Amino acid sequence: MEADRLNTPTTFEMPLEVLGHELQFVQDPNSKHLGTTVWDASLVFAKFLERNCRKGRFSPAKLKGKRVIELGAGCGVSGFGMALLGCDVTVTDQKEVLPILQRNVDRNISRVMQKNPESFGSIKVAELQWGDESHVKAVGPPFDYIIGTDVVYVEHLLEPLLQTILGLSGPRTTILLGNEIRSTCVHEKMLQMWKKNFDVKTVSKSKMDETFQHPSIQLFIMGFKQLAEGTKNSGQAAADKVDVETVVEDNDTEQNIVVEGSGLVEENTEDHSNSIPQNAQLSEWEARRYGSMAARILRDVKIS
């Protein structure tokens, strides 16, 4: 697990510049809980928002006042990205993670308010155990957006996560998930489950930040299938559908998917080998990602 982390186990603060704000996230990589570390998918998600916020569906004009809930928020990076775009965000996690999450919310709200409070929405912390109906009701669904990063890593969490998403959703809820593939089996089962319930689109690497991306990290934008099926007799519903996701025919090959409004295009022609150029000067992010890849390869190699 150590190779998958952004910082070494002795790093307890992680600076991150997002949308012109210098944020500081406290983390505790030495704890026994995975939620107390900043994971890479949350950085990819925040930087994706930064790159795509000038116009379209992720612009402050479109997001201002939208209700957002983050599942498995951990240190709160992704939720803060949405709040900086004007959303009213509830960041949630298990009880053991809430102290470090609340600390990050408090310290970064203070930083934002000192610089540019006008564009900031709001952000608050709440406990949410997946599958707990009382927790789901307590946060006040439905939400406009449900977000989560690195929330899928073991199979037994897939069903509770799905039930929680369903409980938090309304008919026009958009779900944004970032995931790093650690188990091909779990990833495939996750996609099968999502596609049974949602219209699933994969964000093109070309729409992500040039530095904060990696072939093993994917971002998904999802909406409910019944929304598309129920638009025939409702002009307003059809208009809402266009604002959420109007797409070219999607098939299981996930080739050439176009999402109007956001300009997202999924391309199936990328080279995932990601070889390291000779004499390359690697950034801290790139060096860490290559180290993560090497560790995973070595972990899977069986030496006889």
Protein backbone atom coordinates (compact mmCIF):
# COMPACT_ATOMS: atom_id res chain seq x y z
CA MET A 1 0.00 0.00 0.00
CA GLU A 2 2.89 2.38 0.72
CA ALA A 3 3.81 2.61 -2.98
CA ASP A 4 0.35 3.90 -3.85
CA ARG A 5 0.61 6.94 -1.60
CA LEU A 6 1.42 10.45 -2.67
CA ASN A 7 3.66 11.15 0.31
CA THR A 8 5.99 9.07 2.42
CA PRO A 9 4.63 7.70 5.73
CA THR A 10 6.44 10.54 7.53
CA THR A 11 4.63 13.26 5.58
CA PHE A 12 1.81 14.77 7.62
CA GLU A 13 0.94 17.81 5.50
CA MET A 14 0.24 18.00 1.80
CA PRO A 15 0.08 21.38 0.04
CA LEU A 16 -2.13 21.63 -3.03
CA GLU A 17 -2.90 24.61 -5.26
CA VAL A 18 -6.48 24.44 -6.55
CA LEU A 19 -8.26 27.19 -8.49
CA GLY A 20 -5.76 29.79 -7.33
CA HIS A 21 -5.97 28.83 -3.66
CA GLU A 22 -3.02 27.42 -1.72
CA LEU A 23 -4.61 24.70 0.39
CA GLN A 24 -3.02 22.54 3.08
CA PHE A 25 -4.31 19.06 3.87
CA VAL A 26 -3.34 17.32 7.07
CA GLN A 27 -2.97 13.57 6.71
CA ASP A 28 -1.78 10.67 8.82
CA PRO A 29 -0.32 7.94 6.60
CA ASN A 30 0.75 6.02 9.71
CA SER A 31 -2.78 5.46 10.94
CA LYS A 32 -4.55 2.14 10.47
CA HIS A 33 -7.41 3.80 8.58
CA LEU A 34 -7.14 4.31 4.81
CA GLY A 35 -9.23 7.48 4.97
CA THR A 36 -6.56 9.52 6.72
CA THR A 37 -4.30 9.68 3.67
CA VAL A 38 -4.68 11.82 0.54
CA TRP A 39 -5.06 9.40 -2.37
CA ASP A 40 -4.11 10.16 -5.96
CA ALA A 41 -7.58 9.92 -7.50
CA SER A 42 -8.75 12.86 -5.38
CA LEU A 43 -5.93 15.00 -6.79
CA VAL A 44 -6.82 13.96 -10.34
CA PHE A 45 -10.46 14.86 -9.62
CA ALA A 46 -9.67 18.30 -8.15
CA LYS A 47 -7.32 19.18 -10.98
CA PHE A 48 -9.89 17.96 -13.53
CA LEU A 49 -12.38 20.45 -12.08
CA GLU A 50 -9.76 23.19 -12.25
CA ARG A 51 -9.05 22.50 -15.92
CA ASN A 52 -12.72 22.31 -16.97
CA CYS A 53 -14.27 25.13 -14.92
CA ARG A 54 -13.94 27.97 -17.41
CA LYS A 55 -17.14 27.05 -19.24
CA GLY A 56 -19.73 24.32 -19.46
CA ARG A 57 -21.24 22.17 -16.75
CA PHE A 58 -18.35 22.59 -14.30
CA SER A 59 -18.27 26.38 -14.45
CA PRO A 60 -19.14 28.33 -11.29
CA ALA A 61 -22.16 29.77 -13.11
CA LYS A 62 -23.58 26.25 -13.51
CA LEU A 63 -22.46 24.86 -10.15
CA LYS A 64 -23.21 27.75 -7.79
CA GLY A 65 -25.66 26.63 -5.12
CA LYS A 66 -25.73 22.98 -6.23
CA ARG A 67 -25.97 20.48 -3.38
CA VAL A 68 -23.05 18.05 -3.38
CA ILE A 69 -22.22 15.11 -1.13
CA GLU A 70 -18.85 13.37 -1.09
CA LEU A 71 -18.68 9.73 -0.05
CA GLY A 72 -15.53 8.42 1.60
CA ALA A 73 -14.15 11.96 1.65
CA GLY A 74 -11.04 11.08 3.64
CA CYS A 75 -9.02 14.29 3.87
CA GLY A 76 -11.60 16.25 1.83
CA VAL A 77 -9.67 17.22 -1.32
CA SER A 78 -12.42 16.48 -3.88
CA GLY A 79 -15.17 18.10 -1.82
CA PHE A 80 -13.13 21.25 -1.45
CA GLY A 81 -12.72 21.41 -5.22
CA MET A 82 -16.52 21.49 -5.63
CA ALA A 83 -16.95 24.05 -2.83
CA LEU A 84 -14.43 26.36 -4.52
CA LEU A 85 -16.73 26.35 -7.56
CA GLY A 86 -19.69 27.56 -5.50
CA CYS A 87 -21.32 24.28 -4.43
CA ASP A 88 -22.80 23.58 -1.01
CA VAL A 89 -20.88 20.45 -0.09
CA THR A 90 -21.30 17.83 2.62
CA VAL A 91 -18.16 15.72 3.02
CA THR A 92 -18.76 12.38 4.70
CA ASP A 93 -16.81 9.43 6.02
CA GLN A 94 -16.72 6.94 8.85
CA LYS A 95 -16.61 8.20 12.42
CA GLU A 96 -12.90 7.46 12.85
CA VAL A 97 -11.96 9.74 9.95
CA LEU A 98 -14.09 12.74 10.93
CA PRO A 99 -11.52 14.49 13.19
CA ILE A 100 -8.90 14.84 10.45
CA LEU A 101 -11.60 15.69 7.89
CA GLN A 102 -13.02 18.44 10.12
CA ARG A 103 -9.54 19.80 10.75
CA ASN A 104 -8.88 20.09 7.00
CA VAL A 105 -12.24 21.77 6.41
CA ASP A 106 -11.65 24.32 9.17
CA ARG A 107 -8.11 25.25 8.19
CA ASN A 108 -8.85 25.54 4.45
CA ILE A 109 -12.06 27.53 4.90
CA SER A 110 -9.93 30.00 6.82
CA ARG A 111 -7.44 30.18 3.94
CA VAL A 112 -10.16 30.68 1.32
CA MET A 113 -11.99 33.35 3.30
CA GLN A 114 -8.81 35.39 3.61
CA LYS A 115 -8.37 35.49 -0.16
CA ASN A 116 -11.59 35.18 -2.19
CA PRO A 117 -14.71 34.28 -0.18
CA GLU A 118 -17.20 35.46 -2.83
CA SER A 119 -16.80 32.44 -5.11
CA PHE A 120 -16.80 29.88 -2.31
CA GLY A 121 -19.96 27.87 -1.59
CA SER A 122 -19.97 26.01 1.70
CA ILE A 123 -18.62 22.79 3.14
CA LYS A 124 -19.57 20.79 6.22
CA VAL A 125 -18.69 17.41 7.71
CA ALA A 126 -21.06 14.53 8.48
CA GLU A 127 -20.76 10.88 9.43
CA LEU A 128 -22.06 8.45 6.83
CA GLN A 129 -21.64 4.69 7.06
CA TRP A 130 -22.55 3.16 3.72
CA GLY A 131 -25.76 1.18 3.89
CA ASP A 132 -26.95 2.91 7.08
CA GLU A 133 -30.38 4.32 6.23
CA SER A 134 -30.42 6.63 9.25
CA HIS A 135 -27.15 8.23 8.14
CA VAL A 136 -28.47 8.65 4.60
CA LYS A 137 -31.66 10.35 5.79
CA ALA A 138 -29.75 12.58 8.20
CA VAL A 139 -27.77 14.34 5.44
CA GLY A 140 -30.96 15.40 3.64
CA PRO A 141 -31.13 13.81 0.18
CA PRO A 142 -31.54 14.17 -2.71
CA PHE A 143 -28.36 15.84 -3.91
CA ASP A 144 -27.53 17.41 -7.26
CA TYR A 145 -24.12 15.73 -7.33
CA ILE A 146 -22.68 12.69 -5.57
CA ILE A 147 -18.89 12.48 -5.74
CA GLY A 148 -16.28 10.04 -4.54
CA THR A 149 -12.66 9.13 -5.24
CA ASP A 150 -10.84 5.90 -4.47
CA VAL A 151 -13.95 4.50 -2.82
CA VAL A 152 -13.85 1.14 -4.65
CA TYR A 153 -11.03 -1.18 -3.63
CA VAL A 154 -12.69 -4.30 -2.19
CA GLU A 155 -15.64 -6.22 -3.57
CA HIS A 156 -17.77 -6.39 -0.42
CA LEU A 157 -18.15 -2.59 -0.42
CA LEU A 158 -19.73 -2.43 -3.88
CA GLU A 159 -23.29 -3.22 -2.83
CA PRO A 160 -23.38 -0.91 0.25
CA LEU A 161 -21.91 1.88 -1.88
CA LEU A 162 -24.55 1.38 -4.57
CA GLN A 163 -27.41 1.35 -2.06
CA THR A 164 -26.07 4.52 -0.47
CA ILE A 165 -25.84 6.29 -3.84
CA LEU A 166 -29.40 5.25 -4.67
CA GLY A 167 -30.61 6.55 -1.30
CA LEU A 168 -28.91 9.92 -1.81
CA SER A 169 -30.11 10.43 -5.38
CA GLY A 170 -32.99 12.11 -7.13
CA PRO A 171 -33.98 11.55 -10.78
CA ARG A 172 -31.53 14.21 -12.03
CA THR A 173 -28.59 13.48 -9.73
CA THR A 174 -25.18 13.32 -11.42
CA ILE A 175 -22.58 10.96 -9.98
CA LEU A 176 -18.86 11.70 -10.36
CA LEU A 177 -16.46 8.95 -9.31
CA GLY A 178 -12.69 8.73 -9.57
CA ASN A 179 -11.10 5.32 -9.22
CA GLU A 180 -7.62 3.86 -9.32
CA ILE A 181 -7.54 0.30 -10.61
CA ARG A 182 -5.92 -1.88 -7.97
CA SER A 183 -7.81 -5.08 -8.69
CA THR A 184 -8.96 -5.82 -12.24
CA CYS A 185 -11.59 -8.21 -10.91
CA VAL A 186 -13.11 -5.65 -8.53
CA HIS A 187 -12.95 -2.95 -11.20
CA GLU A 188 -14.83 -5.10 -13.71
CA LYS A 189 -17.51 -6.00 -11.18
CA MET A 190 -17.83 -2.33 -10.30
CA LEU A 191 -18.40 -1.38 -13.95
CA GLN A 192 -20.96 -4.16 -14.40
CA MET A 193 -22.87 -2.92 -11.37
CA TRP A 194 -22.74 0.72 -12.48
CA LYS A 195 -23.91 -0.08 -16.02
CA LYS A 196 -26.94 -1.97 -14.73
CA ASN A 197 -28.12 1.14 -12.89
CA PHE A 198 -26.53 4.15 -14.59
CA ASP A 199 -25.58 5.67 -17.90
CA VAL A 200 -21.79 5.50 -17.48
CA LYS A 201 -19.34 7.78 -19.31
CA THR A 202 -15.56 7.73 -18.93
CA VAL A 203 -13.71 11.06 -18.97
CA SER A 204 -11.06 11.33 -21.64
CA LYS A 205 -7.46 11.68 -20.49
CA SER A 206 -7.28 14.72 -22.77
CA LYS A 207 -9.76 16.49 -20.48
CA MET A 208 -7.69 15.87 -17.36
CA ASP A 209 -4.83 17.97 -16.07
CA GLU A 210 -1.68 17.22 -18.09
CA THR A 211 0.34 16.39 -14.98
CA PHE A 212 -2.25 14.98 -12.59
CA GLN A 213 -3.36 11.92 -14.53
CA HIS A 214 -2.34 8.30 -14.94
CA PRO A 215 -3.62 5.37 -17.03
CA SER A 216 -4.68 3.46 -13.91
CA ILE A 217 -6.85 6.35 -12.66
CA GLN A 218 -10.22 6.88 -14.34
CA LEU A 219 -12.99 9.43 -13.83
CA PHE A 220 -16.61 8.44 -14.47
CA ILE A 221 -19.68 10.64 -14.98
CA MET A 222 -22.95 8.80 -14.41
CA GLY A 223 -26.66 9.51 -14.50
CA PHE A 224 -29.75 7.36 -14.07
CA LYS A 225 -30.87 5.31 -17.06
CA GLN A 226 -34.55 5.90 -16.36
CA LEU A 227 -33.99 9.63 -16.90
CA ALA A 228 -33.18 8.99 -20.54
CA GLU A 229 -36.07 6.55 -20.94
CA GLY A 230 -38.61 8.87 -19.33
CA THR A 231 -38.00 11.98 -21.44
CA LYS A 232 -40.37 11.14 -24.29
CA ASN A 233 -43.42 12.78 -22.69
CA SER A 234 -41.75 15.62 -20.84
CA GLY A 235 -40.17 18.62 -22.51
CA GLN A 236 -38.69 19.87 -19.24
CA ALA A 237 -37.22 16.48 -18.47
CA ALA A 238 -35.68 16.41 -21.92
CA ALA A 239 -34.12 19.82 -21.31
CA ASP A 240 -32.70 18.59 -18.01
CA LYS A 241 -31.30 15.53 -19.75
CA VAL A 242 -29.42 17.66 -22.25
CA ASP A 243 -27.89 19.68 -19.41
CA VAL A 244 -26.78 16.53 -17.62
CA GLU A 245 -25.63 14.25 -20.43
CA THR A 246 -26.58 14.14 -24.11
CA VAL A 247 -24.50 11.44 -25.71
CA VAL A 248 -23.80 9.60 -28.89
CA GLU A 249 -24.80 5.92 -28.76
CA ASP A 250 -22.86 4.25 -25.95
CA ASN A 251 -21.83 0.63 -26.27
CA ASP A 252 -19.76 -1.71 -24.19
CA THR A 253 -16.60 -0.89 -26.13
CA GLU A 254 -16.75 2.69 -24.78
CA GLN A 255 -15.36 4.13 -28.02
CA ASN A 256 -15.78 7.75 -29.12
CA ILE A 257 -18.21 8.77 -26.40
CA VAL A 258 -19.23 12.44 -26.61
CA VAL A 259 -20.78 14.34 -23.72
CA GLU A 260 -22.28 17.59 -24.92
CA GLY A 261 -21.94 20.66 -22.74
CA SER A 262 -18.81 19.42 -21.02
CA GLY A 263 -16.93 18.56 -24.21
CA LEU A 264 -15.84 15.26 -22.75
CA VAL A 265 -14.71 12.69 -25.28
CA GLU A 266 -13.66 9.17 -24.43
CA GLU A 267 -10.97 7.92 -26.75
CA ASN A 268 -10.01 4.26 -26.96
CA THR A 269 -6.70 4.86 -28.68
CA GLU A 270 -4.42 5.73 -25.76
CA ASP A 271 -1.11 4.02 -25.12
CA HIS A 272 -1.29 2.70 -21.58
CA SER A 273 2.29 1.46 -21.52
CA ASN A 274 3.40 4.89 -20.23
CA SER A 275 7.09 4.10 -20.66
CA ILE A 276 9.62 6.45 -19.11
CA PRO A 277 11.61 8.53 -21.61
CA GLN A 278 15.38 8.21 -21.33
CA ASN A 279 17.04 11.01 -19.34
CA ALA A 280 13.59 12.34 -18.40
CA GLN A 281 13.31 14.92 -15.62
CA LEU A 282 10.34 13.65 -13.67
CA SER A 283 8.14 15.76 -11.46
CA GLU A 284 7.39 14.56 -7.93
CA TRP A 285 3.97 13.35 -9.11
CA GLU A 286 5.42 11.47 -12.11
CA ALA A 287 8.17 9.86 -10.08
CA ARG A 288 5.68 8.71 -7.48
CA ARG A 289 3.35 7.29 -10.13
CA TYR A 290 6.13 5.36 -11.87
CA GLY A 291 7.19 4.01 -8.48
CA SER A 292 3.62 2.90 -7.87
CA MET A 293 3.52 1.07 -11.22
CA ALA A 294 6.81 -0.70 -10.55
CA ALA A 295 5.68 -1.77 -7.10
CA ARG A 296 2.48 -3.24 -8.50
CA ILE A 297 4.38 -5.14 -11.20
CA LEU A 298 6.84 -6.55 -8.68
CA ARG A 299 4.00 -7.47 -6.34
CA ASP A 300 2.32 -9.51 -9.08
CA VAL A 301 5.49 -11.26 -10.28
CA LYS A 302 5.88 -14.80 -8.99
CA ILE A 303 9.49 -15.87 -8.68
CA SER A 304 9.95 -19.64 -8.86
